[in-house]
Amino acid sequence: MAALAGLLEALGRIEAERPGKPCSLAKLSKQAGLPMSALRRQLTLLEEAGLVALTLDDGGVTGTIELSPTGRQLLGH
């Protein structure tokens, strides 16, 4: 759970720096200090909980992520 909370906080910081723009998975991976495989597993859980919106590009290798309205509300954004 702590890892998921840390990931949400990192995404919240990125969104605060760049309001209205989705974050690349690569940027979030770097900010959170997670390898892409671990990041994708955690993002799947957050997406299923309705806290983030994940958009994958062709092949599912790259994509963007942003907080959902519920995720923003949870973080107080």
PDB file of N, CA and C in Angstrom:
ATOM      1  N   MET A   1       0.814  -1.194   0.000  1.00  0.00           N
ATOM      2  CA  MET A   1       0.000   0.000   0.000  1.00  0.00           C
ATOM      3  C   MET A   1       0.857   1.257   0.000  1.00  0.00           C
ATOM      4  N   ALA A   2       1.968   1.221   0.731  1.00  0.00           N
ATOM      5  CA  ALA A   2       2.842   2.398   0.788  1.00  0.00           C
ATOM      6  C   ALA A   2       3.406   2.716  -0.589  1.00  0.00           C
ATOM      7  N   ALA A   3       3.714   1.679  -1.357  1.00  0.00           N
ATOM      8  CA  ALA A   3       4.250   1.900  -2.702  1.00  0.00           C
ATOM      9  C   ALA A   3       3.205   2.561  -3.590  1.00  0.00           C
ATOM     10  N   LEU A   4       1.957   2.143  -3.456  1.00  0.00           N
ATOM     11  CA  LEU A   4       0.886   2.734  -4.258  1.00  0.00           C
ATOM     12  C   LEU A   4       0.660   4.190  -3.861  1.00  0.00           C
ATOM     13  N   ALA A   5       0.708   4.462  -2.570  1.00  0.00           N
ATOM     14  CA  ALA A   5       0.548   5.841  -2.095  1.00  0.00           C
ATOM     15  C   ALA A   5       1.697   6.710  -2.599  1.00  0.00           C
ATOM     16  N   GLY A   6       2.916   6.176  -2.581  1.00  0.00           N
ATOM     17  CA  GLY A   6       4.063   6.915  -3.088  1.00  0.00           C
ATOM     18  C   GLY A   6       3.945   7.214  -4.566  1.00  0.00           C
ATOM     19  N   LEU A   7       3.404   6.273  -5.299  1.00  0.00           N
ATOM     20  CA  LEU A   7       3.209   6.456  -6.732  1.00  0.00           C
ATOM     21  C   LEU A   7       2.162   7.543  -7.002  1.00  0.00           C
ATOM     22  N   LEU A   8       1.087   7.539  -6.237  1.00  0.00           N
ATOM     23  CA  LEU A   8       0.068   8.585  -6.370  1.00  0.00           C
ATOM     24  C   LEU A   8       0.645   9.957  -6.035  1.00  0.00           C
ATOM     25  N   GLU A   9       1.458  10.019  -4.996  1.00  0.00           N
ATOM     26  CA  GLU A   9       2.072  11.289  -4.612  1.00  0.00           C
ATOM     27  C   GLU A   9       3.011  11.796  -5.704  1.00  0.00           C
ATOM     28  N   ALA A  10       3.796  10.894  -6.291  1.00  0.00           N
ATOM     29  CA  ALA A  10       4.703  11.291  -7.374  1.00  0.00           C
ATOM     30  C   ALA A  10       3.909  11.815  -8.563  1.00  0.00           C
ATOM     31  N   LEU A  11       2.819  11.150  -8.904  1.00  0.00           N
ATOM     32  CA  LEU A  11       1.983  11.602 -10.009  1.00  0.00           C
ATOM     33  C   LEU A  11       1.339  12.947  -9.678  1.00  0.00           C
ATOM     34  N   GLY A  12       0.944  13.126  -8.431  1.00  0.00           N
ATOM     35  CA  GLY A  12       0.381  14.403  -8.008  1.00  0.00           C
ATOM     36  C   GLY A  12       1.377  15.539  -8.140  1.00  0.00           C
ATOM     37  N   ARG A  13       2.637  15.291  -7.782  1.00  0.00           N
ATOM     38  CA  ARG A  13       3.687  16.319  -7.922  1.00  0.00           C
ATOM     39  C   ARG A  13       3.903  16.673  -9.394  1.00  0.00           C
ATOM     40  N   ILE A  14       3.936  15.665 -10.237  1.00  0.00           N
ATOM     41  CA  ILE A  14       4.146  15.898 -11.670  1.00  0.00           C
ATOM     42  C   ILE A  14       2.988  16.708 -12.240  1.00  0.00           C
ATOM     43  N   GLU A  15       1.763  16.345 -11.864  1.00  0.00           N
ATOM     44  CA  GLU A  15       0.601  17.085 -12.368  1.00  0.00           C
ATOM     45  C   GLU A  15       0.599  18.525 -11.857  1.00  0.00           C
ATOM     46  N   ALA A  16       1.071  18.745 -10.638  1.00  0.00           N
ATOM     47  CA  ALA A  16       1.132  20.106 -10.100  1.00  0.00           C
ATOM     48  C   ALA A  16       2.120  20.960 -10.900  1.00  0.00           C
ATOM     49  N   GLU A  17       3.200  20.340 -11.363  1.00  0.00           N
ATOM     50  CA  GLU A  17       4.206  21.047 -12.164  1.00  0.00           C
ATOM     51  C   GLU A  17       3.706  21.322 -13.578  1.00  0.00           C
ATOM     52  N   ARG A  18       2.852  20.436 -14.096  1.00  0.00           N
ATOM     53  CA  ARG A  18       2.372  20.539 -15.485  1.00  0.00           C
ATOM     54  C   ARG A  18       0.866  20.328 -15.523  1.00  0.00           C
ATOM     55  N   PRO A  19       0.090  21.272 -14.996  1.00  0.00           N
ATOM     56  CA  PRO A  19      -1.357  21.079 -14.924  1.00  0.00           C
ATOM     57  C   PRO A  19      -1.988  20.852 -16.300  1.00  0.00           C
ATOM     58  N   GLY A  20      -2.925  19.912 -16.333  1.00  0.00           N
ATOM     59  CA  GLY A  20      -3.670  19.649 -17.554  1.00  0.00           C
ATOM     60  C   GLY A  20      -2.951  18.812 -18.586  1.00  0.00           C
ATOM     61  N   LYS A  21      -1.734  18.373 -18.285  1.00  0.00           N
ATOM     62  CA  LYS A  21      -0.973  17.566 -19.238  1.00  0.00           C
ATOM     63  C   LYS A  21      -0.724  16.186 -18.642  1.00  0.00           C
ATOM     64  N   PRO A  22      -1.058  15.124 -19.387  1.00  0.00           N
ATOM     65  CA  PRO A  22      -0.771  13.787 -18.879  1.00  0.00           C
ATOM     66  C   PRO A  22       0.733  13.546 -18.794  1.00  0.00           C
ATOM     67  N   CYS A  23       1.099  12.634 -17.941  1.00  0.00           N
ATOM     68  CA  CYS A  23       2.506  12.305 -17.697  1.00  0.00           C
ATOM     69  C   CYS A  23       2.870  11.044 -18.483  1.00  0.00           C
ATOM     70  N   SER A  24       4.070  11.018 -19.028  1.00  0.00           N
ATOM     71  CA  SER A  24       4.516   9.800 -19.707  1.00  0.00           C
ATOM     72  C   SER A  24       4.866   8.739 -18.665  1.00  0.00           C
ATOM     73  N   LEU A  25       4.714   7.491 -19.047  1.00  0.00           N
ATOM     74  CA  LEU A  25       5.073   6.406 -18.141  1.00  0.00           C
ATOM     75  C   LEU A  25       6.558   6.450 -17.809  1.00  0.00           C
ATOM     76  N   ALA A  26       7.375   6.826 -18.790  1.00  0.00           N
ATOM     77  CA  ALA A  26       8.820   6.902 -18.563  1.00  0.00           C
ATOM     78  C   ALA A  26       9.148   7.949 -17.502  1.00  0.00           C
ATOM     79  N   LYS A  27       8.504   9.100 -17.555  1.00  0.00           N
ATOM     80  CA  LYS A  27       8.749  10.163 -16.574  1.00  0.00           C
ATOM     81  C   LYS A  27       8.328   9.708 -15.181  1.00  0.00           C
ATOM     82  N   LEU A  28       7.154   9.090 -15.080  1.00  0.00           N
ATOM     83  CA  LEU A  28       6.682   8.624 -13.778  1.00  0.00           C
ATOM     84  C   LEU A  28       7.593   7.526 -13.235  1.00  0.00           C
ATOM     85  N   SER A  29       8.050   6.638 -14.104  1.00  0.00           N
ATOM     86  CA  SER A  29       8.964   5.580 -13.689  1.00  0.00           C
ATOM     87  C   SER A  29      10.229   6.177 -13.081  1.00  0.00           C
ATOM     88  N   LYS A  30      10.760   7.190 -13.727  1.00  0.00           N
ATOM     89  CA  LYS A  30      11.974   7.845 -13.242  1.00  0.00           C
ATOM     90  C   LYS A  30      11.713   8.578 -11.923  1.00  0.00           C
ATOM     91  N   GLN A  31      10.625   9.330 -11.850  1.00  0.00           N
ATOM     92  CA  GLN A  31      10.290  10.082 -10.634  1.00  0.00           C
ATOM     93  C   GLN A  31      10.051   9.157  -9.444  1.00  0.00           C
ATOM     94  N   ALA A  32       9.391   8.026  -9.701  1.00  0.00           N
ATOM     95  CA  ALA A  32       9.056   7.098  -8.624  1.00  0.00           C
ATOM     96  C   ALA A  32      10.194   6.136  -8.305  1.00  0.00           C
ATOM     97  N   GLY A  33      11.206   6.073  -9.178  1.00  0.00           N
ATOM     98  CA  GLY A  33      12.328   5.169  -8.962  1.00  0.00           C
ATOM     99  C   GLY A  33      11.945   3.707  -9.116  1.00  0.00           C
ATOM    100  N   LEU A  34      11.013   3.450 -10.043  1.00  0.00           N
ATOM    101  CA  LEU A  34      10.543   2.083 -10.270  1.00  0.00           C
ATOM    102  C   LEU A  34      10.863   1.621 -11.678  1.00  0.00           C
ATOM    103  N   PRO A  35      11.234   0.349 -11.832  1.00  0.00           N
ATOM    104  CA  PRO A  35      11.370  -0.179 -13.189  1.00  0.00           C
ATOM    105  C   PRO A  35       9.995  -0.221 -13.842  1.00  0.00           C
ATOM    106  N   MET A  36       9.949  -0.159 -15.145  1.00  0.00           N
ATOM    107  CA  MET A  36       8.695  -0.084 -15.875  1.00  0.00           C
ATOM    108  C   MET A  36       7.777  -1.263 -15.548  1.00  0.00           C
ATOM    109  N   SER A  37       8.318  -2.456 -15.376  1.00  0.00           N
ATOM    110  CA  SER A  37       7.466  -3.618 -15.087  1.00  0.00           C
ATOM    111  C   SER A  37       6.729  -3.452 -13.762  1.00  0.00           C
ATOM    112  N   ALA A  38       7.418  -2.998 -12.734  1.00  0.00           N
ATOM    113  CA  ALA A  38       6.775  -2.772 -11.434  1.00  0.00           C
ATOM    114  C   ALA A  38       5.784  -1.620 -11.522  1.00  0.00           C
ATOM    115  N   LEU A  39       6.156  -0.579 -12.246  1.00  0.00           N
ATOM    116  CA  LEU A  39       5.271   0.575 -12.425  1.00  0.00           C
ATOM    117  C   LEU A  39       3.962   0.139 -13.070  1.00  0.00           C
ATOM    118  N   ARG A  40       4.044  -0.641 -14.130  1.00  0.00           N
ATOM    119  CA  ARG A  40       2.840  -1.070 -14.845  1.00  0.00           C
ATOM    120  C   ARG A  40       1.932  -1.907 -13.946  1.00  0.00           C
ATOM    121  N   ARG A  41       2.498  -2.782 -13.126  1.00  0.00           N
ATOM    122  CA  ARG A  41       1.675  -3.591 -12.214  1.00  0.00           C
ATOM    123  C   ARG A  41       0.944  -2.699 -11.220  1.00  0.00           C
ATOM    124  N   GLN A  42       1.657  -1.720 -10.656  1.00  0.00           N
ATOM    125  CA  GLN A  42       1.040  -0.832  -9.676  1.00  0.00           C
ATOM    126  C   GLN A  42       0.000   0.074 -10.325  1.00  0.00           C
ATOM    127  N   LEU A  43       0.275   0.546 -11.528  1.00  0.00           N
ATOM    128  CA  LEU A  43      -0.690   1.398 -12.218  1.00  0.00           C
ATOM    129  C   LEU A  43      -1.969   0.639 -12.545  1.00  0.00           C
ATOM    130  N   THR A  44      -1.846  -0.649 -12.835  1.00  0.00           N
ATOM    131  CA  THR A  44      -3.028  -1.465 -13.096  1.00  0.00           C
ATOM    132  C   THR A  44      -3.929  -1.489 -11.861  1.00  0.00           C
ATOM    133  N   LEU A  45      -3.328  -1.639 -10.686  1.00  0.00           N
ATOM    134  CA  LEU A  45      -4.110  -1.635  -9.446  1.00  0.00           C
ATOM    135  C   LEU A  45      -4.774  -0.282  -9.219  1.00  0.00           C
ATOM    136  N   LEU A  46      -4.032   0.793  -9.453  1.00  0.00           N
ATOM    137  CA  LEU A  46      -4.594   2.132  -9.266  1.00  0.00           C
ATOM    138  C   LEU A  46      -5.692   2.418 -10.279  1.00  0.00           C
ATOM    139  N   GLU A  47      -5.533   1.921 -11.496  1.00  0.00           N
ATOM    140  CA  GLU A  47      -6.561   2.113 -12.519  1.00  0.00           C
ATOM    141  C   GLU A  47      -7.828   1.339 -12.151  1.00  0.00           C
ATOM    142  N   GLU A  48      -7.662   0.120 -11.681  1.00  0.00           N
ATOM    143  CA  GLU A  48      -8.814  -0.685 -11.279  1.00  0.00           C
ATOM    144  C   GLU A  48      -9.556  -0.034 -10.107  1.00  0.00           C
ATOM    145  N   ALA A  49      -8.827   0.690  -9.259  1.00  0.00           N
ATOM    146  CA  ALA A  49      -9.441   1.389  -8.125  1.00  0.00           C
ATOM    147  C   ALA A  49     -10.072   2.715  -8.541  1.00  0.00           C
ATOM    148  N   GLY A  50      -9.877   3.097  -9.812  1.00  0.00           N
ATOM    149  CA  GLY A  50     -10.473   4.334 -10.313  1.00  0.00           C
ATOM    150  C   GLY A  50      -9.715   5.589  -9.930  1.00  0.00           C
ATOM    151  N   LEU A  51      -8.427   5.452  -9.566  1.00  0.00           N
ATOM    152  CA  LEU A  51      -7.641   6.598  -9.121  1.00  0.00           C
ATOM    153  C   LEU A  51      -6.804   7.237 -10.214  1.00  0.00           C
ATOM    154  N   VAL A  52      -6.546   6.498 -11.287  1.00  0.00           N
ATOM    155  CA  VAL A  52      -5.762   7.026 -12.405  1.00  0.00           C
ATOM    156  C   VAL A  52      -6.403   6.624 -13.725  1.00  0.00           C
ATOM    157  N   ALA A  53      -6.059   7.356 -14.771  1.00  0.00           N
ATOM    158  CA  ALA A  53      -6.471   7.023 -16.137  1.00  0.00           C
ATOM    159  C   ALA A  53      -5.206   6.722 -16.928  1.00  0.00           C
ATOM    160  N   LEU A  54      -5.093   5.498 -17.400  1.00  0.00           N
ATOM    161  CA  LEU A  54      -3.911   5.028 -18.118  1.00  0.00           C
ATOM    162  C   LEU A  54      -4.253   4.877 -19.588  1.00  0.00           C
ATOM    163  N   THR A  55      -3.428   5.468 -20.451  1.00  0.00           N
ATOM    164  CA  THR A  55      -3.598   5.349 -21.901  1.00  0.00           C
ATOM    165  C   THR A  55      -2.315   4.763 -22.462  1.00  0.00           C
ATOM    166  N   LEU A  56      -2.419   3.583 -23.067  1.00  0.00           N
ATOM    167  CA  LEU A  56      -1.247   2.931 -23.650  1.00  0.00           C
ATOM    168  C   LEU A  56      -1.221   3.143 -25.153  1.00  0.00           C
ATOM    169  N   ASP A  57      -0.013   3.352 -25.684  1.00  0.00           N
ATOM    170  CA  ASP A  57       0.172   3.489 -27.119  1.00  0.00           C
ATOM    171  C   ASP A  57       0.238   2.103 -27.755  1.00  0.00           C
ATOM    172  N   ASP A  58       0.380   2.071 -29.069  1.00  0.00           N
ATOM    173  CA  ASP A  58       0.447   0.802 -29.795  1.00  0.00           C
ATOM    174  C   ASP A  58       1.463  -0.137 -29.164  1.00  0.00           C
ATOM    175  N   GLY A  59       1.065  -1.352 -28.971  1.00  0.00           N
ATOM    176  CA  GLY A  59       1.953  -2.356 -28.405  1.00  0.00           C
ATOM    177  C   GLY A  59       1.999  -2.338 -26.896  1.00  0.00           C
ATOM    178  N   GLY A  60       1.439  -1.323 -26.268  1.00  0.00           N
ATOM    179  CA  GLY A  60       1.410  -1.243 -24.812  1.00  0.00           C
ATOM    180  C   GLY A  60       2.742  -0.968 -24.155  1.00  0.00           C
ATOM    181  N   VAL A  61       3.720  -0.523 -24.933  1.00  0.00           N
ATOM    182  CA  VAL A  61       5.049  -0.275 -24.388  1.00  0.00           C
ATOM    183  C   VAL A  61       5.153   1.123 -23.776  1.00  0.00           C
ATOM    184  N   THR A  62       4.554   2.106 -24.415  1.00  0.00           N
ATOM    185  CA  THR A  62       4.602   3.474 -23.920  1.00  0.00           C
ATOM    186  C   THR A  62       3.180   3.967 -23.703  1.00  0.00           C
ATOM    187  N   GLY A  63       3.066   5.072 -23.014  1.00  0.00           N
ATOM    188  CA  GLY A  63       1.739   5.614 -22.790  1.00  0.00           C
ATOM    189  C   GLY A  63       1.788   6.802 -21.856  1.00  0.00           C
ATOM    190  N   THR A  64       0.608   7.228 -21.443  1.00  0.00           N
ATOM    191  CA  THR A  64       0.502   8.355 -20.528  1.00  0.00           C
ATOM    192  C   THR A  64      -0.405   7.979 -19.364  1.00  0.00           C
ATOM    193  N   ILE A  65      -0.256   8.729 -18.298  1.00  0.00           N
ATOM    194  CA  ILE A  65      -1.018   8.493 -17.080  1.00  0.00           C
ATOM    195  C   ILE A  65      -1.417   9.833 -16.487  1.00  0.00           C
ATOM    196  N   GLU A  66      -2.598   9.887 -15.918  1.00  0.00           N
ATOM    197  CA  GLU A  66      -3.023  11.080 -15.201  1.00  0.00           C
ATOM    198  C   GLU A  66      -3.968  10.667 -14.090  1.00  0.00           C
ATOM    199  N   LEU A  67      -4.063  11.514 -13.090  1.00  0.00           N
ATOM    200  CA  LEU A  67      -4.990  11.250 -12.005  1.00  0.00           C
ATOM    201  C   LEU A  67      -6.419  11.350 -12.514  1.00  0.00           C
ATOM    202  N   SER A  68      -7.272  10.501 -12.023  1.00  0.00           N
ATOM    203  CA  SER A  68      -8.702  10.599 -12.328  1.00  0.00           C
ATOM    204  C   SER A  68      -9.282  11.661 -11.385  1.00  0.00           C
ATOM    205  N   PRO A  69     -10.509  12.080 -11.614  1.00  0.00           N
ATOM    206  CA  PRO A  69     -11.114  13.020 -10.673  1.00  0.00           C
ATOM    207  C   PRO A  69     -11.112  12.481  -9.238  1.00  0.00           C
ATOM    208  N   THR A  70     -11.336  11.194  -9.081  1.00  0.00           N
ATOM    209  CA  THR A  70     -11.305  10.578  -7.746  1.00  0.00           C
ATOM    210  C   THR A  70      -9.892  10.644  -7.158  1.00  0.00           C
ATOM    211  N   GLY A  71      -8.881  10.379  -7.989  1.00  0.00           N
ATOM    212  CA  GLY A  71      -7.488  10.459  -7.530  1.00  0.00           C
ATOM    213  C   GLY A  71      -7.109  11.884  -7.130  1.00  0.00           C
ATOM    214  N   ARG A  72      -7.558  12.854  -7.908  1.00  0.00           N
ATOM    215  CA  ARG A  72      -7.286  14.258  -7.576  1.00  0.00           C
ATOM    216  C   ARG A  72      -7.933  14.631  -6.243  1.00  0.00           C
ATOM    217  N   GLN A  73      -9.162  14.182  -6.060  1.00  0.00           N
ATOM    218  CA  GLN A  73      -9.872  14.475  -4.829  1.00  0.00           C
ATOM    219  C   GLN A  73      -9.162  13.837  -3.633  1.00  0.00           C
ATOM    220  N   LEU A  74      -8.688  12.619  -3.798  1.00  0.00           N
ATOM    221  CA  LEU A  74      -7.978  11.919  -2.726  1.00  0.00           C
ATOM    222  C   LEU A  74      -6.719  12.681  -2.313  1.00  0.00           C
ATOM    223  N   LEU A  75      -6.025  13.254  -3.311  1.00  0.00           N
ATOM    224  CA  LEU A  75      -4.800  13.997  -3.031  1.00  0.00           C
ATOM    225  C   LEU A  75      -5.066  15.468  -2.686  1.00  0.00           C
ATOM    226  N   GLY A  76      -6.316  15.874  -2.780  1.00  0.00           N
ATOM    227  CA  GLY A  76      -6.657  17.261  -2.468  1.00  0.00           C
ATOM    228  C   GLY A  76      -6.290  18.241  -3.546  1.00  0.00           C
ATOM    229  N   HIS A  77      -6.279  17.784  -4.791  1.00  0.00           N
ATOM    230  CA  HIS A  77      -5.948  18.669  -5.927  1.00  0.00           C
ATOM    231  C   HIS A  77      -7.186  19.230  -6.542  1.00  0.00           C
TER     232      HIS A  77
END
